[in-house]
Amino acid sequence: MEKTIWSNDVAAYDFEESRQTVSDVECIDIQDVDDDAVWRYINDDICLTLDAEESNLDVPTRCIVVFGVLGLWHGKVHVSRVLPEHMLSAILHAACRDSEEYTVYYDTDDGEVKARDVHHDGVNRYVFREMATDTSFNDRELFLESAELGAVTLDDIKRFTVSLGPRVEAIYG
């Protein structure tokens, strides 16, 4: 079962309940709350929850590598990249959520931290892993170079990286 870390899913909001909240906060009659005001409230709330999750995940890490499969109009493309920040919160900036229709970051039962972006061409899927502590500098550099070239195997990934799941579970339980 997925445990959501953050999502921009507007379907999770009850529109009329959100309208009531806007009415209460703005001290105006509910009939005077237009749909645009409700959508602004929902969008603002999504941004606030993102800020809160960034604060929750403001934990130092070793190097984080993202492995992904991009669902594009011309087929699937496998990608990987190293995140520039060594903070757990950096995962929340790794996907293209600003241009996506729906994004969710989640922790899986098998301890992997993943993200899924749904967009007009398909679905992008990502898994986030941290470099293992026992990796030598040379092995790390070779692995990262191979990852950027798309030349790593699942065995390589398991050998040189570890799941971020335990770190996330320590925060959220």
N, C-alpha and C. Protein backbone atom coordinates (compact mmCIF):
# COMPACT_ATOMS: atom_id res chain seq x y z
N MET A 1 0.83 -1.18 0.00
CA MET A 1 0.00 0.00 0.00
C MET A 1 0.88 1.25 0.00
N GLU A 2 0.52 2.21 -0.77
CA GLU A 2 1.26 3.47 -0.83
C GLU A 2 0.89 4.35 0.35
N LYS A 3 1.91 4.99 0.93
CA LYS A 3 1.69 6.00 1.96
C LYS A 3 2.10 7.34 1.34
N THR A 4 1.13 8.19 1.10
CA THR A 4 1.38 9.45 0.42
C THR A 4 2.21 10.39 1.29
N ILE A 5 3.25 10.94 0.68
CA ILE A 5 4.06 11.98 1.31
C ILE A 5 3.47 13.34 0.95
N TRP A 6 3.21 13.54 -0.34
CA TRP A 6 2.59 14.78 -0.82
C TRP A 6 1.94 14.52 -2.17
N SER A 7 0.85 15.20 -2.42
CA SER A 7 0.15 15.09 -3.69
C SER A 7 -0.51 16.42 -4.02
N ASN A 8 -0.63 16.71 -5.30
CA ASN A 8 -1.37 17.90 -5.73
C ASN A 8 -2.73 17.51 -6.29
N ASP A 9 -3.29 16.44 -5.80
CA ASP A 9 -4.56 15.90 -6.28
C ASP A 9 -5.73 16.76 -5.80
N VAL A 10 -6.27 17.56 -6.70
CA VAL A 10 -7.42 18.42 -6.33
C VAL A 10 -8.66 17.59 -6.06
N ALA A 11 -8.71 16.37 -6.57
CA ALA A 11 -9.87 15.50 -6.34
C ALA A 11 -9.98 15.10 -4.87
N ALA A 12 -8.91 15.28 -4.11
CA ALA A 12 -8.94 14.96 -2.68
C ALA A 12 -9.73 16.01 -1.88
N TYR A 13 -10.04 17.12 -2.52
CA TYR A 13 -10.76 18.20 -1.86
C TYR A 13 -12.24 18.13 -2.18
N ASP A 14 -13.06 18.32 -1.17
CA ASP A 14 -14.50 18.44 -1.36
C ASP A 14 -14.75 19.90 -1.73
N PHE A 15 -15.23 20.12 -2.95
CA PHE A 15 -15.38 21.48 -3.47
C PHE A 15 -16.31 22.33 -2.62
N GLU A 16 -17.45 21.76 -2.22
CA GLU A 16 -18.42 22.54 -1.43
C GLU A 16 -17.91 22.78 -0.01
N GLU A 17 -17.18 21.82 0.53
CA GLU A 17 -16.57 22.03 1.84
C GLU A 17 -15.51 23.14 1.76
N SER A 18 -14.76 23.16 0.67
CA SER A 18 -13.78 24.22 0.45
C SER A 18 -14.47 25.57 0.28
N ARG A 19 -15.61 25.58 -0.41
CA ARG A 19 -16.39 26.82 -0.56
C ARG A 19 -16.80 27.33 0.82
N GLN A 20 -17.25 26.43 1.70
CA GLN A 20 -17.65 26.81 3.06
C GLN A 20 -16.45 27.39 3.81
N THR A 21 -15.28 26.79 3.65
CA THR A 21 -14.08 27.30 4.32
C THR A 21 -13.76 28.71 3.86
N VAL A 22 -13.83 28.95 2.54
CA VAL A 22 -13.59 30.29 2.01
C VAL A 22 -14.61 31.26 2.60
N SER A 23 -15.86 30.85 2.66
CA SER A 23 -16.91 31.70 3.24
C SER A 23 -16.59 32.05 4.69
N ASP A 24 -16.18 31.05 5.45
CA ASP A 24 -15.87 31.26 6.87
C ASP A 24 -14.65 32.17 7.05
N VAL A 25 -13.61 31.93 6.27
CA VAL A 25 -12.37 32.70 6.40
C VAL A 25 -12.56 34.14 5.94
N GLU A 26 -13.27 34.32 4.84
CA GLU A 26 -13.48 35.66 4.28
C GLU A 26 -14.66 36.39 4.93
N CYS A 27 -15.39 35.70 5.79
CA CYS A 27 -16.56 36.29 6.46
C CYS A 27 -17.57 36.83 5.45
N ILE A 28 -17.86 36.02 4.43
CA ILE A 28 -18.86 36.39 3.43
C ILE A 28 -19.87 35.26 3.30
N ASP A 29 -21.03 35.59 2.78
CA ASP A 29 -22.08 34.60 2.59
C ASP A 29 -21.62 33.55 1.58
N ILE A 30 -21.95 32.31 1.82
CA ILE A 30 -21.49 31.22 0.96
C ILE A 30 -21.94 31.39 -0.49
N GLN A 31 -23.10 32.01 -0.71
CA GLN A 31 -23.59 32.23 -2.08
C GLN A 31 -22.73 33.25 -2.83
N ASP A 32 -21.96 34.04 -2.10
CA ASP A 32 -21.11 35.07 -2.72
C ASP A 32 -19.70 34.55 -3.02
N VAL A 33 -19.43 33.31 -2.69
CA VAL A 33 -18.10 32.72 -2.96
C VAL A 33 -18.13 32.11 -4.36
N ASP A 34 -17.37 32.70 -5.28
CA ASP A 34 -17.37 32.17 -6.65
C ASP A 34 -16.38 31.00 -6.78
N ASP A 35 -16.53 30.25 -7.86
CA ASP A 35 -15.70 29.07 -8.08
C ASP A 35 -14.22 29.41 -8.14
N ASP A 36 -13.86 30.55 -8.73
CA ASP A 36 -12.45 30.94 -8.80
C ASP A 36 -11.83 31.08 -7.41
N ALA A 37 -12.59 31.62 -6.48
CA ALA A 37 -12.09 31.77 -5.11
C ALA A 37 -11.86 30.40 -4.46
N VAL A 38 -12.74 29.46 -4.76
CA VAL A 38 -12.58 28.10 -4.21
C VAL A 38 -11.33 27.45 -4.80
N TRP A 39 -11.14 27.59 -6.12
CA TRP A 39 -9.95 27.00 -6.76
C TRP A 39 -8.67 27.63 -6.23
N ARG A 40 -8.69 28.94 -5.98
CA ARG A 40 -7.51 29.61 -5.40
C ARG A 40 -7.23 29.05 -4.01
N TYR A 41 -8.28 28.86 -3.22
CA TYR A 41 -8.11 28.29 -1.89
C TYR A 41 -7.48 26.89 -1.97
N ILE A 42 -8.00 26.05 -2.86
CA ILE A 42 -7.48 24.68 -3.01
C ILE A 42 -6.02 24.73 -3.44
N ASN A 43 -5.70 25.56 -4.43
CA ASN A 43 -4.32 25.68 -4.89
C ASN A 43 -3.40 26.18 -3.77
N ASP A 44 -3.85 27.18 -3.04
CA ASP A 44 -3.05 27.70 -1.92
C ASP A 44 -2.82 26.63 -0.87
N ASP A 45 -3.85 25.83 -0.59
CA ASP A 45 -3.71 24.77 0.41
C ASP A 45 -2.72 23.70 -0.06
N ILE A 46 -2.75 23.36 -1.33
CA ILE A 46 -1.79 22.40 -1.88
C ILE A 46 -0.37 22.94 -1.72
N CYS A 47 -0.18 24.22 -2.00
CA CYS A 47 1.15 24.82 -1.84
C CYS A 47 1.59 24.84 -0.38
N LEU A 48 0.65 25.12 0.53
CA LEU A 48 0.97 25.11 1.95
C LEU A 48 1.37 23.71 2.43
N THR A 49 0.68 22.70 1.94
CA THR A 49 1.04 21.33 2.35
C THR A 49 2.40 20.95 1.78
N LEU A 50 2.73 21.44 0.59
CA LEU A 50 4.06 21.19 0.04
C LEU A 50 5.12 21.84 0.92
N ASP A 51 4.90 23.07 1.32
CA ASP A 51 5.83 23.76 2.23
C ASP A 51 6.01 22.97 3.53
N ALA A 52 4.90 22.46 4.06
CA ALA A 52 4.97 21.68 5.31
C ALA A 52 5.78 20.41 5.11
N GLU A 53 5.57 19.72 3.99
CA GLU A 53 6.32 18.48 3.74
C GLU A 53 7.79 18.77 3.50
N GLU A 54 8.10 19.89 2.85
CA GLU A 54 9.51 20.27 2.69
C GLU A 54 10.16 20.47 4.05
N SER A 55 9.44 21.08 4.98
CA SER A 55 9.98 21.27 6.33
C SER A 55 10.15 19.93 7.04
N ASN A 56 9.16 19.04 6.89
CA ASN A 56 9.25 17.71 7.51
C ASN A 56 10.45 16.94 7.00
N LEU A 57 10.74 17.09 5.71
CA LEU A 57 11.82 16.32 5.07
C LEU A 57 13.14 17.07 5.04
N ASP A 58 13.26 18.11 5.82
CA ASP A 58 14.49 18.91 5.86
C ASP A 58 15.55 18.18 6.69
N VAL A 59 16.01 17.05 6.14
CA VAL A 59 16.94 16.16 6.82
C VAL A 59 18.15 15.93 5.90
N PRO A 60 19.36 16.09 6.42
CA PRO A 60 20.54 15.85 5.58
C PRO A 60 20.63 14.38 5.14
N THR A 61 21.11 14.18 3.92
CA THR A 61 21.31 12.83 3.38
C THR A 61 22.66 12.78 2.67
N ARG A 62 23.00 11.59 2.26
CA ARG A 62 24.10 11.44 1.33
C ARG A 62 23.55 11.77 -0.06
N CYS A 63 24.32 11.58 -1.06
CA CYS A 63 23.92 11.85 -2.44
C CYS A 63 22.66 11.05 -2.80
N ILE A 64 21.64 11.73 -3.36
CA ILE A 64 20.41 11.07 -3.78
C ILE A 64 20.41 10.96 -5.30
N VAL A 65 20.09 9.76 -5.78
CA VAL A 65 20.00 9.50 -7.22
C VAL A 65 18.54 9.17 -7.53
N VAL A 66 18.03 9.76 -8.62
CA VAL A 66 16.67 9.51 -9.08
C VAL A 66 16.75 8.66 -10.33
N PHE A 67 16.00 7.57 -10.34
CA PHE A 67 15.88 6.72 -11.52
C PHE A 67 14.43 6.84 -11.99
N GLY A 68 14.25 7.06 -13.27
CA GLY A 68 12.89 7.27 -13.76
C GLY A 68 12.61 6.64 -15.10
N VAL A 69 11.33 6.48 -15.34
CA VAL A 69 10.82 6.08 -16.64
C VAL A 69 9.81 7.15 -17.03
N LEU A 70 10.12 7.86 -18.12
CA LEU A 70 9.26 8.94 -18.59
C LEU A 70 8.33 8.41 -19.65
N GLY A 71 7.05 8.62 -19.45
CA GLY A 71 6.06 8.24 -20.46
C GLY A 71 5.85 9.40 -21.41
N LEU A 72 6.48 9.34 -22.57
CA LEU A 72 6.43 10.43 -23.55
C LEU A 72 5.60 10.03 -24.75
N TRP A 73 5.27 10.98 -25.59
CA TRP A 73 4.41 10.71 -26.74
C TRP A 73 5.04 9.69 -27.69
N HIS A 74 6.36 9.62 -27.72
CA HIS A 74 7.04 8.68 -28.62
C HIS A 74 7.51 7.41 -27.92
N GLY A 75 7.04 7.18 -26.70
CA GLY A 75 7.38 5.96 -25.97
C GLY A 75 8.04 6.27 -24.63
N LYS A 76 8.51 5.22 -23.98
CA LYS A 76 9.13 5.37 -22.67
C LYS A 76 10.62 5.61 -22.81
N VAL A 77 11.13 6.46 -21.92
CA VAL A 77 12.55 6.78 -21.88
C VAL A 77 13.03 6.58 -20.44
N HIS A 78 14.12 5.84 -20.26
CA HIS A 78 14.71 5.64 -18.94
C HIS A 78 15.72 6.75 -18.69
N VAL A 79 15.64 7.34 -17.50
CA VAL A 79 16.52 8.45 -17.13
C VAL A 79 17.03 8.26 -15.71
N SER A 80 18.10 8.96 -15.40
CA SER A 80 18.57 9.04 -14.02
C SER A 80 19.33 10.35 -13.87
N ARG A 81 19.36 10.82 -12.64
CA ARG A 81 20.14 12.01 -12.35
C ARG A 81 20.43 12.09 -10.87
N VAL A 82 21.46 12.85 -10.57
CA VAL A 82 21.86 13.09 -9.19
C VAL A 82 21.21 14.39 -8.75
N LEU A 83 20.57 14.39 -7.60
CA LEU A 83 19.97 15.62 -7.09
C LEU A 83 21.07 16.53 -6.55
N PRO A 84 20.99 17.82 -6.82
CA PRO A 84 22.06 18.73 -6.40
C PRO A 84 22.13 18.97 -4.89
N GLU A 85 21.01 18.82 -4.20
CA GLU A 85 21.00 19.03 -2.75
C GLU A 85 21.13 17.70 -2.03
N HIS A 86 21.81 17.71 -0.90
CA HIS A 86 21.91 16.52 -0.07
C HIS A 86 20.95 16.65 1.11
N MET A 87 19.68 16.85 0.76
CA MET A 87 18.61 16.95 1.74
C MET A 87 17.46 16.07 1.27
N LEU A 88 16.80 15.40 2.19
CA LEU A 88 15.68 14.54 1.84
C LEU A 88 14.58 15.32 1.12
N SER A 89 14.40 16.58 1.48
CA SER A 89 13.38 17.41 0.85
C SER A 89 13.63 17.63 -0.64
N ALA A 90 14.84 17.37 -1.11
CA ALA A 90 15.17 17.56 -2.53
C ALA A 90 14.32 16.66 -3.43
N ILE A 91 13.83 15.56 -2.89
CA ILE A 91 13.00 14.68 -3.72
C ILE A 91 11.75 15.39 -4.20
N LEU A 92 11.25 16.35 -3.40
CA LEU A 92 10.02 17.04 -3.76
C LEU A 92 10.21 18.02 -4.92
N HIS A 93 11.45 18.21 -5.34
CA HIS A 93 11.73 19.10 -6.47
C HIS A 93 12.22 18.32 -7.68
N ALA A 94 12.27 17.01 -7.58
CA ALA A 94 12.87 16.20 -8.64
C ALA A 94 11.94 15.97 -9.82
N ALA A 95 10.66 15.86 -9.57
CA ALA A 95 9.71 15.62 -10.66
C ALA A 95 9.29 16.96 -11.25
N CYS A 96 8.65 16.91 -12.36
CA CYS A 96 8.22 18.14 -13.06
C CYS A 96 6.82 18.52 -12.64
N ARG A 97 6.57 18.61 -11.35
CA ARG A 97 5.21 18.80 -10.86
C ARG A 97 4.57 20.10 -11.28
N ASP A 98 5.36 21.12 -11.63
CA ASP A 98 4.77 22.40 -12.02
C ASP A 98 4.01 22.30 -13.33
N SER A 99 4.42 21.40 -14.20
CA SER A 99 3.75 21.30 -15.50
C SER A 99 2.87 20.06 -15.60
N GLU A 100 2.78 19.32 -14.54
CA GLU A 100 2.03 18.08 -14.58
C GLU A 100 0.59 18.29 -14.13
N GLU A 101 -0.27 17.41 -14.56
CA GLU A 101 -1.66 17.48 -14.16
C GLU A 101 -1.89 16.86 -12.79
N TYR A 102 -1.04 15.90 -12.42
CA TYR A 102 -1.19 15.22 -11.14
C TYR A 102 0.16 14.64 -10.74
N THR A 103 0.57 14.89 -9.53
CA THR A 103 1.83 14.36 -9.01
C THR A 103 1.60 13.82 -7.61
N VAL A 104 2.20 12.68 -7.32
CA VAL A 104 2.15 12.13 -5.97
C VAL A 104 3.52 11.57 -5.63
N TYR A 105 3.98 11.88 -4.42
CA TYR A 105 5.20 11.30 -3.85
C TYR A 105 4.75 10.34 -2.77
N TYR A 106 5.34 9.15 -2.73
CA TYR A 106 4.85 8.16 -1.78
C TYR A 106 5.94 7.19 -1.37
N ASP A 107 5.67 6.52 -0.26
CA ASP A 107 6.53 5.48 0.30
C ASP A 107 5.78 4.16 0.10
N THR A 108 6.48 3.15 -0.39
CA THR A 108 5.83 1.87 -0.66
C THR A 108 6.05 0.89 0.48
N ASP A 109 5.29 -0.20 0.48
CA ASP A 109 5.45 -1.23 1.50
C ASP A 109 6.85 -1.85 1.51
N ASP A 110 7.49 -1.88 0.33
CA ASP A 110 8.83 -2.46 0.27
C ASP A 110 9.92 -1.44 0.60
N GLY A 111 9.53 -0.26 1.11
CA GLY A 111 10.49 0.71 1.61
C GLY A 111 11.09 1.63 0.56
N GLU A 112 10.53 1.66 -0.63
CA GLU A 112 11.04 2.56 -1.66
C GLU A 112 10.26 3.87 -1.62
N VAL A 113 10.95 4.96 -1.90
CA VAL A 113 10.31 6.26 -2.03
C VAL A 113 10.21 6.55 -3.51
N LYS A 114 8.98 6.83 -3.96
CA LYS A 114 8.71 6.98 -5.38
C LYS A 114 7.85 8.21 -5.65
N ALA A 115 7.77 8.56 -6.93
CA ALA A 115 6.86 9.62 -7.36
C ALA A 115 6.24 9.18 -8.68
N ARG A 116 5.05 9.72 -8.91
CA ARG A 116 4.34 9.45 -10.16
C ARG A 116 3.75 10.77 -10.65
N ASP A 117 4.06 11.12 -11.91
CA ASP A 117 3.50 12.31 -12.57
C ASP A 117 2.59 11.85 -13.68
N VAL A 118 1.37 12.31 -13.67
CA VAL A 118 0.45 12.02 -14.77
C VAL A 118 0.36 13.30 -15.60
N HIS A 119 0.55 13.17 -16.89
CA HIS A 119 0.50 14.33 -17.77
C HIS A 119 -0.14 13.94 -19.10
N HIS A 120 -0.25 14.88 -20.01
CA HIS A 120 -0.99 14.66 -21.25
C HIS A 120 -0.40 13.57 -22.14
N ASP A 121 0.88 13.28 -22.04
CA ASP A 121 1.49 12.23 -22.87
C ASP A 121 1.50 10.87 -22.19
N GLY A 122 1.37 10.83 -20.89
CA GLY A 122 1.45 9.55 -20.19
C GLY A 122 1.77 9.73 -18.72
N VAL A 123 2.59 8.82 -18.21
CA VAL A 123 2.93 8.82 -16.79
C VAL A 123 4.44 8.73 -16.64
N ASN A 124 5.01 9.59 -15.82
CA ASN A 124 6.41 9.50 -15.45
C ASN A 124 6.47 8.85 -14.07
N ARG A 125 7.40 7.92 -13.91
CA ARG A 125 7.57 7.23 -12.63
C ARG A 125 9.02 7.36 -12.18
N TYR A 126 9.21 7.64 -10.88
CA TYR A 126 10.54 7.85 -10.34
C TYR A 126 10.73 7.03 -9.08
N VAL A 127 11.96 6.61 -8.84
CA VAL A 127 12.34 6.01 -7.56
C VAL A 127 13.58 6.77 -7.08
N PHE A 128 13.61 7.08 -5.79
CA PHE A 128 14.68 7.87 -5.19
C PHE A 128 15.51 6.96 -4.29
N ARG A 129 16.83 6.99 -4.48
CA ARG A 129 17.72 6.16 -3.66
C ARG A 129 18.92 6.98 -3.23
N GLU A 130 19.49 6.59 -2.10
CA GLU A 130 20.62 7.29 -1.52
C GLU A 130 21.88 6.43 -1.69
N MET A 131 23.01 7.07 -1.94
CA MET A 131 24.26 6.32 -2.06
C MET A 131 24.55 5.58 -0.75
N ALA A 132 25.02 4.37 -0.88
CA ALA A 132 25.35 3.56 0.30
C ALA A 132 26.58 4.13 1.00
N THR A 133 26.66 3.94 2.31
CA THR A 133 27.77 4.49 3.10
C THR A 133 29.08 3.79 2.83
N ASP A 134 29.02 2.52 2.45
CA ASP A 134 30.26 1.75 2.26
C ASP A 134 30.81 1.82 0.83
N THR A 135 30.32 2.77 0.04
CA THR A 135 30.78 2.91 -1.34
C THR A 135 32.01 3.80 -1.37
N SER A 136 33.09 3.33 -1.98
CA SER A 136 34.30 4.14 -2.09
C SER A 136 34.05 5.30 -3.04
N PHE A 137 34.89 6.30 -2.95
CA PHE A 137 34.75 7.47 -3.82
C PHE A 137 34.82 7.07 -5.29
N ASN A 138 35.78 6.22 -5.64
CA ASN A 138 35.93 5.80 -7.04
C ASN A 138 34.72 5.01 -7.53
N ASP A 139 34.23 4.07 -6.69
CA ASP A 139 33.04 3.29 -7.07
C ASP A 139 31.83 4.21 -7.22
N ARG A 140 31.74 5.17 -6.32
CA ARG A 140 30.62 6.12 -6.38
C ARG A 140 30.65 6.89 -7.68
N GLU A 141 31.81 7.42 -8.04
CA GLU A 141 31.93 8.21 -9.27
C GLU A 141 31.65 7.36 -10.51
N LEU A 142 32.14 6.13 -10.53
CA LEU A 142 31.88 5.23 -11.66
C LEU A 142 30.39 4.90 -11.76
N PHE A 143 29.77 4.64 -10.60
CA PHE A 143 28.34 4.34 -10.59
C PHE A 143 27.53 5.53 -11.10
N LEU A 144 27.83 6.73 -10.59
CA LEU A 144 27.08 7.91 -10.99
C LEU A 144 27.26 8.22 -12.48
N GLU A 145 28.48 8.02 -12.97
CA GLU A 145 28.72 8.22 -14.40
C GLU A 145 27.92 7.21 -15.22
N SER A 146 27.93 5.96 -14.79
CA SER A 146 27.16 4.92 -15.48
C SER A 146 25.66 5.21 -15.41
N ALA A 147 25.21 5.70 -14.27
CA ALA A 147 23.79 6.02 -14.11
C ALA A 147 23.38 7.13 -15.07
N GLU A 148 24.21 8.15 -15.19
CA GLU A 148 23.89 9.25 -16.11
C GLU A 148 23.87 8.79 -17.56
N LEU A 149 24.64 7.75 -17.87
CA LEU A 149 24.66 7.20 -19.22
C LEU A 149 23.57 6.15 -19.44
N GLY A 150 22.85 5.83 -18.35
CA GLY A 150 21.80 4.81 -18.45
C GLY A 150 22.35 3.40 -18.54
N ALA A 151 23.54 3.20 -18.00
CA ALA A 151 24.21 1.91 -18.14
C ALA A 151 24.30 1.13 -16.83
N VAL A 152 23.41 1.38 -15.88
CA VAL A 152 23.43 0.63 -14.63
C VAL A 152 22.37 -0.45 -14.65
N THR A 153 22.64 -1.51 -13.93
CA THR A 153 21.69 -2.60 -13.81
C THR A 153 20.99 -2.51 -12.46
N LEU A 154 19.96 -3.30 -12.29
CA LEU A 154 19.27 -3.34 -11.00
C LEU A 154 20.22 -3.82 -9.91
N ASP A 155 21.09 -4.76 -10.24
CA ASP A 155 22.10 -5.22 -9.26
C ASP A 155 23.03 -4.08 -8.86
N ASP A 156 23.44 -3.25 -9.82
CA ASP A 156 24.28 -2.09 -9.51
C ASP A 156 23.55 -1.14 -8.56
N ILE A 157 22.30 -0.89 -8.87
CA ILE A 157 21.51 0.03 -8.05
C ILE A 157 21.41 -0.49 -6.62
N LYS A 158 21.13 -1.78 -6.47
CA LYS A 158 21.02 -2.37 -5.13
C LYS A 158 22.37 -2.40 -4.41
N ARG A 159 23.46 -2.54 -5.16
CA ARG A 159 24.79 -2.63 -4.55
C ARG A 159 25.29 -1.27 -4.07
N PHE A 160 25.05 -0.22 -4.86
CA PHE A 160 25.64 1.08 -4.56
C PHE A 160 24.70 2.08 -3.90
N THR A 161 23.42 1.74 -3.82
CA THR A 161 22.46 2.67 -3.21
C THR A 161 21.60 1.94 -2.18
N VAL A 162 20.96 2.71 -1.35
CA VAL A 162 20.02 2.17 -0.36
C VAL A 162 18.71 2.94 -0.47
N SER A 163 17.66 2.32 -0.02
CA SER A 163 16.33 2.92 -0.05
C SER A 163 16.26 4.11 0.90
N LEU A 164 15.47 5.09 0.52
CA LEU A 164 15.19 6.23 1.40
C LEU A 164 14.00 5.94 2.32
N GLY A 165 13.34 4.82 2.10
CA GLY A 165 12.16 4.48 2.89
C GLY A 165 12.35 4.55 4.38
N PRO A 166 13.42 3.96 4.93
CA PRO A 166 13.61 4.04 6.38
C PRO A 166 13.71 5.48 6.90
N ARG A 167 14.33 6.36 6.12
CA ARG A 167 14.42 7.77 6.54
C ARG A 167 13.02 8.42 6.55
N VAL A 168 12.23 8.13 5.53
CA VAL A 168 10.88 8.70 5.45
C VAL A 168 10.01 8.12 6.55
N GLU A 169 10.12 6.81 6.77
CA GLU A 169 9.32 6.17 7.80
C GLU A 169 9.68 6.69 9.20
N ALA A 170 10.94 7.08 9.40
CA ALA A 170 11.34 7.65 10.70
C ALA A 170 10.64 8.99 10.95
N ILE A 171 10.28 9.67 9.88
CA ILE A 171 9.60 10.96 10.00
C ILE A 171 8.09 10.78 10.15
N TYR A 172 7.50 9.95 9.30
CA TYR A 172 6.05 9.83 9.25
C TYR A 172 5.49 8.62 9.99
N GLY A 173 6.37 7.70 10.35
CA GLY A 173 5.90 6.50 11.04
C GLY A 173 5.32 5.46 10.15
